[in-house]
């Protein structure tokens, strides 16, 4: 009787662990998707600020904005009716607080 109960417990545990692993993978995938989405939203919000700044400097139709690791935004646009290459440096936050 003890053997049968032990065997039944082992079999049910063996069938449960793959399901738990699948749930953990699904949760990790959802977290990665959410993180990626938030990063894209932050990038787009910052790109819109850069476009607004470039517009205040006379550039129009600014497209293909990309930021490199140093915080330099590059793209193309129009200024005074002529095609122009745009470049703007925005410092990247390092995550450290200033101290006095």
PDB file of N, CA and C in Angstrom:
ATOM      1  N   UNK A   1       0.822  -1.193   0.000  1.00  0.00           N
ATOM      2  CA  UNK A   1       0.000   0.000   0.000  1.00  0.00           C
ATOM      3  C   UNK A   1       0.863   1.253   0.000  1.00  0.00           C
ATOM      4  N   UNK A   2       1.934   1.258   0.812  1.00  0.00           N
ATOM      5  CA  UNK A   2       2.818   2.416   0.872  1.00  0.00           C
ATOM      6  C   UNK A   2       3.511   2.594  -0.474  1.00  0.00           C
ATOM      7  N   UNK A   3       3.893   1.459  -1.094  1.00  0.00           N
ATOM      8  CA  UNK A   3       4.538   1.539  -2.401  1.00  0.00           C
ATOM      9  C   UNK A   3       3.604   2.147  -3.445  1.00  0.00           C
ATOM     10  N   UNK A   4       2.351   1.766  -3.408  1.00  0.00           N
ATOM     11  CA  UNK A   4       1.382   2.293  -4.371  1.00  0.00           C
ATOM     12  C   UNK A   4       1.179   3.786  -4.167  1.00  0.00           C
ATOM     13  N   UNK A   5       1.097   4.228  -2.913  1.00  0.00           N
ATOM     14  CA  UNK A   5       0.922   5.652  -2.623  1.00  0.00           C
ATOM     15  C   UNK A   5       2.156   6.441  -3.038  1.00  0.00           C
ATOM     16  N   UNK A   6       3.334   5.878  -2.789  1.00  0.00           N
ATOM     17  CA  UNK A   6       4.574   6.545  -3.172  1.00  0.00           C
ATOM     18  C   UNK A   6       4.682   6.634  -4.692  1.00  0.00           C
ATOM     19  N   UNK A   7       4.345   5.553  -5.374  1.00  0.00           N
ATOM     20  CA  UNK A   7       4.377   5.540  -6.831  1.00  0.00           C
ATOM     21  C   UNK A   7       3.388   6.552  -7.405  1.00  0.00           C
ATOM     22  N   UNK A   8       2.210   6.629  -6.842  1.00  0.00           N
ATOM     23  CA  UNK A   8       1.205   7.589  -7.305  1.00  0.00           C
ATOM     24  C   UNK A   8       1.685   9.017  -7.078  1.00  0.00           C
ATOM     25  N   UNK A   9       2.316   9.288  -5.948  1.00  0.00           N
ATOM     26  CA  UNK A   9       2.826  10.634  -5.654  1.00  0.00           C
ATOM     27  C   UNK A   9       3.944  11.011  -6.620  1.00  0.00           C
ATOM     28  N   UNK A  10       4.827  10.059  -6.903  1.00  0.00           N
ATOM     29  CA  UNK A  10       5.924  10.330  -7.834  1.00  0.00           C
ATOM     30  C   UNK A  10       5.413  10.582  -9.245  1.00  0.00           C
ATOM     31  N   UNK A  11       4.453   9.799  -9.668  1.00  0.00           N
ATOM     32  CA  UNK A  11       3.890   9.984 -11.011  1.00  0.00           C
ATOM     33  C   UNK A  11       3.189  11.326 -11.137  1.00  0.00           C
ATOM     34  N   UNK A  12       2.422  11.702 -10.130  1.00  0.00           N
ATOM     35  CA  UNK A  12       1.714  12.984 -10.213  1.00  0.00           C
ATOM     36  C   UNK A  12       2.698  14.151 -10.148  1.00  0.00           C
ATOM     37  N   UNK A  13       3.755  14.025  -9.365  1.00  0.00           N
ATOM     38  CA  UNK A  13       4.769  15.073  -9.301  1.00  0.00           C
ATOM     39  C   UNK A  13       5.507  15.171 -10.627  1.00  0.00           C
ATOM     40  N   UNK A  14       5.789  14.031 -11.239  1.00  0.00           N
ATOM     41  CA  UNK A  14       6.474  14.023 -12.529  1.00  0.00           C
ATOM     42  C   UNK A  14       5.654  14.667 -13.621  1.00  0.00           C
ATOM     43  N   UNK A  15       4.347  14.560 -13.541  1.00  0.00           N
ATOM     44  CA  UNK A  15       3.477  15.190 -14.529  1.00  0.00           C
ATOM     45  C   UNK A  15       3.272  16.675 -14.234  1.00  0.00           C
ATOM     46  N   UNK A  16       3.444  17.086 -13.006  1.00  0.00           N
ATOM     47  CA  UNK A  16       3.224  18.470 -12.606  1.00  0.00           C
ATOM     48  C   UNK A  16       4.421  19.357 -12.918  1.00  0.00           C
ATOM     49  N   UNK A  17       5.638  18.865 -12.745  1.00  0.00           N
ATOM     50  CA  UNK A  17       6.828  19.692 -12.931  1.00  0.00           C
ATOM     51  C   UNK A  17       6.952  20.271 -14.334  1.00  0.00           C
ATOM     52  N   UNK A  18       6.687  19.512 -15.410  1.00  0.00           N
ATOM     53  CA  UNK A  18       6.754  20.144 -16.729  1.00  0.00           C
ATOM     54  C   UNK A  18       5.738  21.277 -16.880  1.00  0.00           C
ATOM     55  N   UNK A  19       4.566  21.138 -16.290  1.00  0.00           N
ATOM     56  CA  UNK A  19       3.559  22.194 -16.365  1.00  0.00           C
ATOM     57  C   UNK A  19       4.034  23.437 -15.626  1.00  0.00           C
ATOM     58  N   UNK A  20       4.661  23.246 -14.470  1.00  0.00           N
ATOM     59  CA  UNK A  20       5.193  24.386 -13.715  1.00  0.00           C
ATOM     60  C   UNK A  20       6.326  25.060 -14.481  1.00  0.00           C
ATOM     61  N   UNK A  21       7.156  24.282 -15.144  1.00  0.00           N
ATOM     62  CA  UNK A  21       8.253  24.850 -15.925  1.00  0.00           C
ATOM     63  C   UNK A  21       7.700  25.662 -17.087  1.00  0.00           C
ATOM     64  N   UNK A  22       6.641  25.175 -17.720  1.00  0.00           N
ATOM     65  CA  UNK A  22       6.028  25.906 -18.832  1.00  0.00           C
ATOM     66  C   UNK A  22       5.432  27.224 -18.339  1.00  0.00           C
ATOM     67  N   UNK A  23       4.822  27.208 -17.152  1.00  0.00           N
ATOM     68  CA  UNK A  23       4.276  28.443 -16.586  1.00  0.00           C
ATOM     69  C   UNK A  23       5.380  29.440 -16.282  1.00  0.00           C
ATOM     70  N   UNK A  24       6.505  28.972 -15.762  1.00  0.00           N
ATOM     71  CA  UNK A  24       7.634  29.849 -15.455  1.00  0.00           C
ATOM     72  C   UNK A  24       8.189  30.462 -16.741  1.00  0.00           C
ATOM     73  N   UNK A  25       8.297  29.658 -17.811  1.00  0.00           N
ATOM     74  CA  UNK A  25       8.777  30.175 -19.097  1.00  0.00           C
ATOM     75  C   UNK A  25       7.822  31.227 -19.647  1.00  0.00           C
ATOM     76  N   UNK A  26       6.517  30.976 -19.540  1.00  0.00           N
ATOM     77  CA  UNK A  26       5.530  31.928 -20.035  1.00  0.00           C
ATOM     78  C   UNK A  26       5.600  33.232 -19.251  1.00  0.00           C
ATOM     79  N   UNK A  27       5.811  33.147 -17.948  1.00  0.00           N
ATOM     80  CA  UNK A  27       5.931  34.349 -17.118  1.00  0.00           C
ATOM     81  C   UNK A  27       7.176  35.133 -17.488  1.00  0.00           C
ATOM     82  N   UNK A  28       8.286  34.442 -17.715  1.00  0.00           N
ATOM     83  CA  UNK A  28       9.532  35.111 -18.109  1.00  0.00           C
ATOM     84  C   UNK A  28       9.378  35.773 -19.473  1.00  0.00           C
ATOM     85  N   UNK A  29       8.711  35.106 -20.414  1.00  0.00           N
ATOM     86  CA  UNK A  29       8.480  35.690 -21.737  1.00  0.00           C
ATOM     87  C   UNK A  29       7.619  36.941 -21.634  1.00  0.00           C
ATOM     88  N   UNK A  30       6.603  36.910 -20.792  1.00  0.00           N
ATOM     89  CA  UNK A  30       5.733  38.074 -20.618  1.00  0.00           C
ATOM     90  C   UNK A  30       6.515  39.239 -20.011  1.00  0.00           C
ATOM     91  N   UNK A  31       7.391  38.953 -19.070  1.00  0.00           N
ATOM     92  CA  UNK A  31       8.197  40.006 -18.450  1.00  0.00           C
ATOM     93  C   UNK A  31       9.160  40.603 -19.467  1.00  0.00           C
ATOM     94  N   UNK A  32       9.772  39.768 -20.297  1.00  0.00           N
ATOM     95  CA  UNK A  32      10.683  40.267 -21.333  1.00  0.00           C
ATOM     96  C   UNK A  32       9.939  41.120 -22.355  1.00  0.00           C
ATOM     97  N   UNK A  33       8.738  40.694 -22.725  1.00  0.00           N
ATOM     98  CA  UNK A  33       7.933  41.452 -23.680  1.00  0.00           C
ATOM     99  C   UNK A  33       7.565  42.808 -23.089  1.00  0.00           C
ATOM    100  N   UNK A  34       7.182  42.839 -21.832  1.00  0.00           N
ATOM    101  CA  UNK A  34       6.820  44.098 -21.179  1.00  0.00           C
ATOM    102  C   UNK A  34       8.023  45.024 -21.076  1.00  0.00           C
ATOM    103  N   UNK A  35       9.183  44.484 -20.735  1.00  0.00           N
ATOM    104  CA  UNK A  35      10.395  45.287 -20.627  1.00  0.00           C
ATOM    105  C   UNK A  35      10.770  45.867 -21.981  1.00  0.00           C
ATOM    106  N   UNK A  36      10.694  45.060 -23.021  1.00  0.00           N
ATOM    107  CA  UNK A  36      11.001  45.525 -24.376  1.00  0.00           C
ATOM    108  C   UNK A  36      10.034  46.619 -24.796  1.00  0.00           C
ATOM    109  N   UNK A  37       8.755  46.432 -24.511  1.00  0.00           N
ATOM    110  CA  UNK A  37       7.742  47.427 -24.865  1.00  0.00           C
ATOM    111  C   UNK A  37       8.020  48.752 -24.163  1.00  0.00           C
ATOM    112  N   UNK A  38       8.336  48.693 -22.868  1.00  0.00           N
ATOM    113  CA  UNK A  38       8.602  49.922 -22.127  1.00  0.00           C
ATOM    114  C   UNK A  38       9.860  50.616 -22.637  1.00  0.00           C
ATOM    115  N   UNK A  39      10.876  49.856 -22.997  1.00  0.00           N
ATOM    116  CA  UNK A  39      12.106  50.439 -23.538  1.00  0.00           C
ATOM    117  C   UNK A  39      11.822  51.120 -24.875  1.00  0.00           C
ATOM    118  N   UNK A  40      11.010  50.486 -25.716  1.00  0.00           N
ATOM    119  CA  UNK A  40      10.647  51.095 -26.996  1.00  0.00           C
ATOM    120  C   UNK A  40       9.843  52.369 -26.801  1.00  0.00           C
ATOM    121  N   UNK A  41       8.948  52.366 -25.826  1.00  0.00           N
ATOM    122  CA  UNK A  41       8.147  53.563 -25.540  1.00  0.00           C
ATOM    123  C   UNK A  41       9.039  54.703 -25.051  1.00  0.00           C
ATOM    124  N   UNK A  42       9.999  54.395 -24.189  1.00  0.00           N
ATOM    125  CA  UNK A  42      10.916  55.418 -23.689  1.00  0.00           C
ATOM    126  C   UNK A  42      11.774  55.968 -24.821  1.00  0.00           C
ATOM    127  N   UNK A  43      12.243  55.092 -25.701  1.00  0.00           N
ATOM    128  CA  UNK A  43      13.050  55.510 -26.849  1.00  0.00           C
ATOM    129  C   UNK A  43      12.237  56.435 -27.752  1.00  0.00           C
ATOM    130  N   UNK A  44      10.990  56.063 -28.017  1.00  0.00           N
ATOM    131  CA  UNK A  44      10.132  56.876 -28.881  1.00  0.00           C
ATOM    132  C   UNK A  44       9.832  58.230 -28.249  1.00  0.00           C
ATOM    133  N   UNK A  45       9.609  58.257 -26.947  1.00  0.00           N
ATOM    134  CA  UNK A  45       9.342  59.521 -26.260  1.00  0.00           C
ATOM    135  C   UNK A  45      10.557  60.441 -26.345  1.00  0.00           C
ATOM    136  N   UNK A  46      11.753  59.879 -26.165  1.00  0.00           N
ATOM    137  CA  UNK A  46      12.961  60.688 -26.249  1.00  0.00           C
ATOM    138  C   UNK A  46      13.197  61.151 -27.683  1.00  0.00           C
ATOM    139  N   UNK A  47      12.920  60.293 -28.667  1.00  0.00           N
ATOM    140  CA  UNK A  47      13.063  60.667 -30.076  1.00  0.00           C
ATOM    141  C   UNK A  47      12.124  61.826 -30.415  1.00  0.00           C
ATOM    142  N   UNK A  48      10.925  61.808 -29.853  1.00  0.00           N
ATOM    143  CA  UNK A  48       9.992  62.913 -30.096  1.00  0.00           C
ATOM    144  C   UNK A  48      10.510  64.220 -29.504  1.00  0.00           C
ATOM    145  N   UNK A  49      11.169  64.156 -28.353  1.00  0.00           N
ATOM    146  CA  UNK A  49      11.774  65.353 -27.760  1.00  0.00           C
ATOM    147  C   UNK A  49      12.901  65.877 -28.642  1.00  0.00           C
ATOM    148  N   UNK A  50      13.701  64.967 -29.186  1.00  0.00           N
ATOM    149  CA  UNK A  50      14.796  65.368 -30.081  1.00  0.00           C
ATOM    150  C   UNK A  50      14.226  66.013 -31.334  1.00  0.00           C
ATOM    151  N   UNK A  51      13.159  65.436 -31.892  1.00  0.00           N
ATOM    152  CA  UNK A  51      12.512  66.031 -33.073  1.00  0.00           C
ATOM    153  C   UNK A  51      12.019  67.450 -32.772  1.00  0.00           C
ATOM    154  N   UNK A  52      11.431  67.623 -31.594  1.00  0.00           N
ATOM    155  CA  UNK A  52      10.924  68.945 -31.212  1.00  0.00           C
ATOM    156  C   UNK A  52      12.073  69.940 -31.084  1.00  0.00           C
ATOM    157  N   UNK A  53      13.182  69.518 -30.506  1.00  0.00           N
ATOM    158  CA  UNK A  53      14.342  70.392 -30.377  1.00  0.00           C
ATOM    159  C   UNK A  53      14.908  70.754 -31.746  1.00  0.00           C
ATOM    160  N   UNK A  54      14.996  69.768 -32.627  1.00  0.00           N
ATOM    161  CA  UNK A  54      15.489  70.039 -33.978  1.00  0.00           C
ATOM    162  C   UNK A  54      14.525  70.956 -34.738  1.00  0.00           C
ATOM    163  N   UNK A  55      13.228  70.784 -34.514  1.00  0.00           N
ATOM    164  CA  UNK A  55      12.236  71.662 -35.150  1.00  0.00           C
ATOM    165  C   UNK A  55      12.408  73.099 -34.671  1.00  0.00           C
ATOM    166  N   UNK A  56      12.745  73.271 -33.394  1.00  0.00           N
ATOM    167  CA  UNK A  56      12.952  74.632 -32.880  1.00  0.00           C
ATOM    168  C   UNK A  56      14.197  75.273 -33.490  1.00  0.00           C
ATOM    169  N   UNK A  57      15.082  74.438 -34.039  1.00  0.00           N
ATOM    170  CA  UNK A  57      16.296  74.941 -34.695  1.00  0.00           C
ATOM    171  C   UNK A  57      16.136  75.031 -36.211  1.00  0.00           C
ATOM    172  N   UNK A  58      14.897  74.851 -36.702  1.00  0.00           N
ATOM    173  CA  UNK A  58      14.622  75.053 -38.119  1.00  0.00           C
ATOM    174  C   UNK A  58      14.601  73.808 -38.978  1.00  0.00           C
ATOM    175  N   UNK A  59      14.748  72.621 -38.390  1.00  0.00           N
ATOM    176  CA  UNK A  59      14.726  71.386 -39.175  1.00  0.00           C
ATOM    177  C   UNK A  59      13.300  70.873 -39.287  1.00  0.00           C
ATOM    178  N   UNK A  60      12.949  70.350 -40.456  1.00  0.00           N
ATOM    179  CA  UNK A  60      11.627  69.767 -40.681  1.00  0.00           C
ATOM    180  C   UNK A  60      11.808  68.365 -41.241  1.00  0.00           C
ATOM    181  N   UNK A  61      10.735  67.615 -41.259  1.00  0.00           N
ATOM    182  CA  UNK A  61      10.709  66.270 -41.826  1.00  0.00           C
ATOM    183  C   UNK A  61      11.864  65.403 -41.296  1.00  0.00           C
ATOM    184  N   UNK A  62      12.118  65.454 -40.012  1.00  0.00           N
ATOM    185  CA  UNK A  62      13.202  64.673 -39.404  1.00  0.00           C
ATOM    186  C   UNK A  62      12.758  63.213 -39.312  1.00  0.00           C
ATOM    187  N   UNK A  63      13.569  62.331 -39.904  1.00  0.00           N
ATOM    188  CA  UNK A  63      13.247  60.903 -39.935  1.00  0.00           C
ATOM    189  C   UNK A  63      14.492  60.087 -39.620  1.00  0.00           C
ATOM    190  N   UNK A  64      14.291  58.802 -39.417  1.00  0.00           N
ATOM    191  CA  UNK A  64      15.381  57.837 -39.182  1.00  0.00           C
ATOM    192  C   UNK A  64      16.279  58.234 -38.014  1.00  0.00           C
ATOM    193  N   UNK A  65      15.683  58.707 -36.926  1.00  0.00           N
ATOM    194  CA  UNK A  65      16.477  59.053 -35.752  1.00  0.00           C
ATOM    195  C   UNK A  65      16.920  57.785 -35.035  1.00  0.00           C
ATOM    196  N   UNK A  66      18.200  57.706 -34.775  1.00  0.00           N
ATOM    197  CA  UNK A  66      18.773  56.586 -34.033  1.00  0.00           C
ATOM    198  C   UNK A  66      19.742  57.135 -33.004  1.00  0.00           C
ATOM    199  N   UNK A  67      19.785  56.507 -31.842  1.00  0.00           N
ATOM    200  CA  UNK A  67      20.679  56.935 -30.775  1.00  0.00           C
ATOM    201  C   UNK A  67      21.788  55.900 -30.603  1.00  0.00           C
ATOM    202  N   UNK A  68      23.023  56.377 -30.472  1.00  0.00           N
ATOM    203  CA  UNK A  68      24.126  55.453 -30.212  1.00  0.00           C
ATOM    204  C   UNK A  68      24.378  55.375 -28.711  1.00  0.00           C
ATOM    205  N   UNK A  69      25.364  54.602 -28.315  1.00  0.00           N
ATOM    206  CA  UNK A  69      25.647  54.366 -26.898  1.00  0.00           C
ATOM    207  C   UNK A  69      26.103  55.627 -26.169  1.00  0.00           C
ATOM    208  N   UNK A  70      26.647  56.602 -26.891  1.00  0.00           N
ATOM    209  CA  UNK A  70      27.118  57.840 -26.276  1.00  0.00           C
ATOM    210  C   UNK A  70      26.026  58.896 -26.151  1.00  0.00           C
ATOM    211  N   UNK A  71      24.809  58.590 -26.608  1.00  0.00           N
ATOM    212  CA  UNK A  71      23.706  59.543 -26.519  1.00  0.00           C
ATOM    213  C   UNK A  71      23.589  60.438 -27.737  1.00  0.00           C
ATOM    214  N   UNK A  72      24.294  60.142 -28.802  1.00  0.00           N
ATOM    215  CA  UNK A  72      24.236  60.949 -30.029  1.00  0.00           C
ATOM    216  C   UNK A  72      23.085  60.456 -30.898  1.00  0.00           C
ATOM    217  N   UNK A  73      22.184  61.375 -31.220  1.00  0.00           N
ATOM    218  CA  UNK A  73      21.072  61.082 -32.107  1.00  0.00           C
ATOM    219  C   UNK A  73      21.452  61.527 -33.508  1.00  0.00           C
ATOM    220  N   UNK A  74      21.226  60.674 -34.481  1.00  0.00           N
ATOM    221  CA  UNK A  74      21.498  61.025 -35.872  1.00  0.00           C
ATOM    222  C   UNK A  74      20.288  60.665 -36.717  1.00  0.00           C
ATOM    223  N   UNK A  75      20.156  61.357 -37.819  1.00  0.00           N
ATOM    224  CA  UNK A  75      19.054  61.099 -38.733  1.00  0.00           C
ATOM    225  C   UNK A  75      19.155  62.033 -39.917  1.00  0.00           C
ATOM    226  N   UNK A  76      18.055  62.191 -40.600  1.00  0.00           N
ATOM    227  CA  UNK A  76      18.029  63.102 -41.738  1.00  0.00           C
ATOM    228  C   UNK A  76      16.778  63.951 -41.666  1.00  0.00           C
ATOM    229  N   UNK A  77      16.837  65.079 -42.332  1.00  0.00           N
ATOM    230  CA  UNK A  77      15.709  65.992 -42.336  1.00  0.00           C
ATOM    231  C   UNK A  77      15.899  67.050 -43.409  1.00  0.00           C
ATOM    232  N   UNK A  78      15.145  68.111 -43.287  1.00  0.00           N
ATOM    233  CA  UNK A  78      15.215  69.227 -44.233  1.00  0.00           C
ATOM    234  C   UNK A  78      15.458  70.506 -43.444  1.00  0.00           C
ATOM    235  N   UNK A  79      16.285  71.381 -44.012  1.00  0.00           N
ATOM    236  CA  UNK A  79      16.482  72.708 -43.429  1.00  0.00           C
ATOM    237  C   UNK A  79      16.578  73.693 -44.589  1.00  0.00           C
ATOM    238  N   UNK A  80      15.752  74.716 -44.531  1.00  0.00           N
ATOM    239  CA  UNK A  80      15.686  75.721 -45.593  1.00  0.00           C
ATOM    240  C   UNK A  80      15.421  75.076 -46.949  1.00  0.00           C
ATOM    241  N   UNK A  81      14.584  74.038 -46.968  1.00  0.00           N
ATOM    242  CA  UNK A  81      14.214  73.387 -48.220  1.00  0.00           C
ATOM    243  C   UNK A  81      15.262  72.451 -48.800  1.00  0.00           C
ATOM    244  N   UNK A  82      16.348  72.210 -48.070  1.00  0.00           N
ATOM    245  CA  UNK A  82      17.422  71.349 -48.568  1.00  0.00           C
ATOM    246  C   UNK A  82      17.588  70.136 -47.644  1.00  0.00           C
ATOM    247  N   UNK A  83      17.916  68.981 -48.229  1.00  0.00           N
ATOM    248  CA  UNK A  83      18.161  67.804 -47.378  1.00  0.00           C
ATOM    249  C   UNK A  83      19.344  68.064 -46.450  1.00  0.00           C
ATOM    250  N   UNK A  84      19.227  67.569 -45.214  1.00  0.00           N
ATOM    251  CA  UNK A  84      20.291  67.790 -44.234  1.00  0.00           C
ATOM    252  C   UNK A  84      20.453  66.558 -43.353  1.00  0.00           C
ATOM    253  N   UNK A  85      21.687  66.322 -42.952  1.00  0.00           N
ATOM    254  CA  UNK A  85      22.014  65.293 -41.973  1.00  0.00           C
ATOM    255  C   UNK A  85      21.901  65.961 -40.610  1.00  0.00           C
ATOM    256  N   UNK A  86      21.210  65.321 -39.677  1.00  0.00           N
ATOM    257  CA  UNK A  86      21.064  65.903 -38.342  1.00  0.00           C
ATOM    258  C   UNK A  86      21.798  65.054 -37.323  1.00  0.00           C
ATOM    259  N   UNK A  87      22.377  65.727 -36.360  1.00  0.00           N
ATOM    260  CA  UNK A  87      23.084  65.053 -35.279  1.00  0.00           C
ATOM    261  C   UNK A  87      22.945  65.901 -34.032  1.00  0.00           C
ATOM    262  N   UNK A  88      22.580  65.272 -32.945  1.00  0.00           N
ATOM    263  CA  UNK A  88      22.381  65.983 -31.692  1.00  0.00           C
ATOM    264  C   UNK A  88      22.854  65.078 -30.564  1.00  0.00           C
ATOM    265  N   UNK A  89      23.646  65.629 -29.651  1.00  0.00           N
ATOM    266  CA  UNK A  89      24.154  64.838 -28.526  1.00  0.00           C
ATOM    267  C   UNK A  89      23.294  65.123 -27.302  1.00  0.00           C
ATOM    268  N   UNK A  90      22.735  64.068 -26.749  1.00  0.00           N
ATOM    269  CA  UNK A  90      21.966  64.141 -25.509  1.00  0.00           C
ATOM    270  C   UNK A  90      22.671  63.223 -24.531  1.00  0.00           C
ATOM    271  N   UNK A  91      23.192  63.750 -23.429  1.00  0.00           N
ATOM    272  CA  UNK A  91      23.941  62.905 -22.475  1.00  0.00           C
ATOM    273  C   UNK A  91      23.085  61.743 -21.978  1.00  0.00           C
ATOM    274  N   UNK A  92      23.707  60.589 -21.865  1.00  0.00           N
ATOM    275  CA  UNK A  92      23.037  59.387 -21.364  1.00  0.00           C
ATOM    276  C   UNK A  92      23.133  59.386 -19.853  1.00  0.00           C
ATOM    277  N   UNK A  93      21.993  59.171 -19.187  1.00  0.00           N
ATOM    278  CA  UNK A  93      21.976  59.108 -17.717  1.00  0.00           C
ATOM    279  C   UNK A  93      22.765  57.889 -17.253  1.00  0.00           C
ATOM    280  N   UNK A  94      23.617  58.079 -16.269  1.00  0.00           N
ATOM    281  CA  UNK A  94      24.444  56.984 -15.783  1.00  0.00           C
ATOM    282  C   UNK A  94      23.819  56.272 -14.604  1.00  0.00           C
ATOM    283  N   UNK A  95      22.806  56.866 -13.993  1.00  0.00           N
ATOM    284  CA  UNK A  95      22.149  56.217 -12.868  1.00  0.00           C
ATOM    285  C   UNK A  95      22.799  56.523 -11.527  1.00  0.00           C
ATOM    286  N   UNK A  96      23.778  57.414 -11.513  1.00  0.00           N
ATOM    287  CA  UNK A  96      24.403  57.781 -10.245  1.00  0.00           C
ATOM    288  C   UNK A  96      23.913  59.162  -9.836  1.00  0.00           C
ATOM    289  N   UNK A  97      23.715  59.347  -8.580  1.00  0.00           N
ATOM    290  CA  UNK A  97      23.223  60.618  -8.070  1.00  0.00           C
ATOM    291  C   UNK A  97      24.398  61.540  -7.743  1.00  0.00           C
ATOM    292  N   UNK A  98      24.191  62.806  -7.983  1.00  0.00           N
ATOM    293  CA  UNK A  98      25.227  63.778  -7.636  1.00  0.00           C
ATOM    294  C   UNK A  98      25.243  64.002  -6.131  1.00  0.00           C
ATOM    295  N   UNK A  99      26.417  64.176  -5.591  1.00  0.00           N
ATOM    296  CA  UNK A  99      26.532  64.439  -4.156  1.00  0.00           C
ATOM    297  C   UNK A  99      27.232  65.760  -3.947  1.00  0.00           C
ATOM    298  N   UNK A 100      26.954  66.399  -2.830  1.00  0.00           N
ATOM    299  CA  UNK A 100      27.605  67.680  -2.521  1.00  0.00           C
ATOM    300  C   UNK A 100      28.810  67.456  -1.658  1.00  0.00           C
TER     301      UNK A 100
END
